[in-house]
Amino acid sequence: MKKLWHGEHGLAMTFWLWWLIGNGVVATALSLVPVPGIGLLTFFYYVASCVGVWRAGTHYDGPQMWTVLSRVMLFAVPVLMVIVTMLVFGAVFAMLVGRAN
């Protein structure tokens, strides 16, 4: 976890394995565990993986485009998830109150 926090795994591994896949697995696995406060653990992993991606970008020697895109994704994916969730809940609510077409 220390290497992740410091971005020492490299940009590609940190982004794809630790951030994208890791957050999906961690969030799914921990959501199945009925323990109070488990969401906080998921949040801490998410923050650690975001910091790792950001710092791995500073160590990256390849094209700057990959650093920029990885950092943009750190913000774009959560925003898109919130928007999709709001749209889904809005559609379900509309169906429940009978206003869906």
Foldseek 3Di string as FASTA:
>chain_A
DVCLQQLVVAQVCLQVPQAPVVLVVQVVVLVPDPDPPSVVVSVVSNVSSLNNNQNNLVVDPDDNVSSVVSNVCNPVVVVVVVVVVVVVVVQVVCVVVVNDD
